[in-house]
Protein backbone atom coordinates (compact mmCIF):
# COMPACT_ATOMS: atom_id res chain seq x y z
CA MET A 1 156.46 150.37 208.75
CA LYS A 2 153.42 152.41 209.79
CA ARG A 3 151.38 154.36 207.15
CA ASP A 4 149.68 157.63 208.15
CA ALA A 5 148.50 158.80 204.72
CA PHE A 6 147.30 157.66 201.30
CA THR A 7 149.75 157.27 198.46
CA LEU A 8 149.48 159.40 195.36
CA ILE A 9 148.33 156.41 193.31
CA GLU A 10 145.52 155.64 195.76
CA LEU A 11 144.33 159.25 195.60
CA MET A 12 144.49 159.25 191.79
CA ILE A 13 142.38 156.07 191.61
CA VAL A 14 139.72 157.58 193.90
CA ILE A 15 139.64 160.81 191.85
CA ILE A 16 139.29 158.85 188.60
CA ILE A 17 136.45 156.75 190.02
CA LEU A 18 134.62 159.88 191.27
CA GLY A 19 135.11 161.53 187.86
CA LEU A 20 133.64 158.53 186.05
CA LEU A 21 130.64 158.45 188.39
CA ALA A 22 130.05 162.18 187.89
CA ALA A 23 130.29 161.77 184.10
CA MET A 24 127.57 159.12 184.19
CA VAL A 25 125.21 160.78 186.69
CA LEU A 26 125.36 164.52 185.88
CA PRO A 27 123.90 164.37 182.35
CA ASN A 28 120.85 162.54 183.69
CA ILE A 29 120.33 165.06 186.48
CA ILE A 30 120.72 168.06 184.17
CA GLY A 31 118.33 166.60 181.59
CA GLU A 32 115.67 165.95 184.23
CA GLY A 33 115.75 169.60 185.33
CA GLN A 34 114.94 170.79 181.81
CA LYS A 35 112.24 168.13 181.45
CA ALA A 36 110.67 169.34 184.70
CA LYS A 37 110.68 172.94 183.41
CA ARG A 38 108.92 171.86 180.21
CA ASN A 39 106.30 169.93 182.24
CA LEU A 40 105.76 172.96 184.45
CA VAL A 41 105.09 175.10 181.37
CA CYS A 42 102.30 172.70 180.36
CA VAL A 43 100.79 172.91 183.83
CA GLN A 44 100.95 176.72 183.75
CA MET A 45 99.32 176.95 180.32
CA LYS A 46 96.50 174.61 181.33
CA SER A 47 96.01 176.59 184.51
CA ILE A 48 95.70 179.86 182.58
CA TYR A 49 93.32 178.23 180.09
CA ASN A 50 91.11 176.47 182.66
CA GLY A 51 91.22 179.34 185.14
CA ALA A 52 91.50 182.92 183.92
CA LEU A 53 90.54 182.31 180.29
CA ALA A 54 87.54 180.17 181.27
CA MET A 55 86.32 182.89 183.66
CA TYR A 56 86.82 185.53 180.97
CA LYS A 57 84.76 183.48 178.53
CA MET A 58 81.97 183.00 181.09
CA GLN A 59 81.78 186.74 181.69
CA HIS A 60 82.16 187.93 178.09
CA GLY A 61 80.79 185.01 176.08
CA THR A 62 84.02 184.59 174.12
CA TYR A 63 87.75 184.30 174.62
CA PRO A 64 89.91 187.43 174.18
CA THR A 65 90.95 188.13 170.61
CA THR A 66 94.53 187.58 169.54
CA GLN A 67 94.92 191.37 169.43
CA GLN A 68 93.69 191.75 173.03
CA GLY A 69 95.99 188.96 174.08
CA LEU A 70 96.52 187.81 177.64
CA SER A 71 97.09 191.36 178.85
CA VAL A 72 93.30 191.83 179.04
CA LEU A 73 93.33 189.29 181.89
CA THR A 74 95.68 191.39 184.03
CA LYS A 75 93.55 194.54 184.09
CA ASN A 76 91.88 195.43 187.40
CA ASP A 77 93.32 192.35 189.16
CA GLU A 78 90.17 190.56 188.01
CA TYR A 79 91.63 187.24 186.88
CA PHE A 80 95.01 187.15 188.60
CA LYS A 81 95.32 188.04 192.26
CA ASP A 82 98.34 190.30 191.85
CA GLY A 83 97.41 191.54 188.36
CA LYS A 84 100.50 189.88 186.86
CA MET A 85 100.48 187.28 184.13
CA PRO A 86 102.50 184.18 185.00
CA LYS A 87 105.65 183.67 182.92
CA ASP A 88 107.04 180.43 181.58
CA SER A 89 109.83 178.49 183.29
CA TRP A 90 112.48 180.65 181.62
CA GLY A 91 110.86 184.00 182.57
CA ASP A 92 109.30 184.75 179.18
CA ASN A 93 105.70 185.69 178.39
CA PHE A 94 103.32 183.15 176.93
CA ILE A 95 102.10 183.75 173.39
CA TYR A 96 98.31 183.75 173.02
CA MET A 97 96.39 183.07 169.81
CA ASN A 98 92.66 182.87 169.24
CA ASN A 99 91.73 181.39 165.87
CA ASN A 100 87.92 181.61 165.65
CA GLY A 101 87.45 180.46 169.24
CA LYS A 102 90.24 177.88 169.19
CA VAL A 103 92.73 179.07 171.79
CA GLU A 104 96.43 178.23 171.71
CA LEU A 105 99.08 179.15 174.26
CA VAL A 106 102.75 178.85 173.34
CA SER A 107 106.06 179.06 175.18
CA LEU A 108 109.16 179.60 173.08
CA GLY A 109 111.23 177.17 175.16
CA ALA A 110 114.61 177.61 176.81
CA ASN A 111 116.10 179.91 174.16
CA GLY A 112 113.08 182.24 173.98
CA LYS A 113 113.12 182.12 170.17
CA GLU A 114 110.61 180.66 167.76
CA GLY A 115 111.37 177.11 166.61
CA GLY A 116 114.29 175.20 168.02
CA LYS A 117 114.94 171.60 168.94
CA GLY A 118 115.21 169.72 172.22
CA ILE A 119 114.98 172.03 175.22
CA ASP A 120 114.81 175.01 172.86
CA ALA A 121 111.70 173.69 171.06
CA ASP A 122 108.46 175.63 171.30
CA ILE A 123 105.85 174.19 173.68
CA LYS A 124 102.21 174.40 172.58
CA MET A 125 99.34 173.85 175.00
CA SER A 126 97.59 171.67 172.41
CA GLN A 127 100.57 169.27 172.47
CA CYS A 128 100.74 168.98 176.26
CA LYS A 129 99.45 165.76 177.80
């Protein structure tokens, strides 16, 4: 007897094996994407701090006040080539605070709301490695 096709049981076994592999691999891949976004936010904040904010301080002798915020850096295309402030990995604006010369940049994380845990946790420049 010659066989030209797979039996239903053989197909079911292959589908089950593929499902098990996907169940083990996908969570790791998805988690790494969010981790990469959080790392990118740290790189962006450090870039703003060491680039545009450092130039602003050299020219004006101090960092912008909290009230001025980062928007002062986008005027006249002076600090950013296109006059636009970079956004975090989730498309939200960075929060800027100047407490007596101590600058802090914050991203509100994946949910865009203050607080949160895991991927939704706030990211502070001072906590970035």
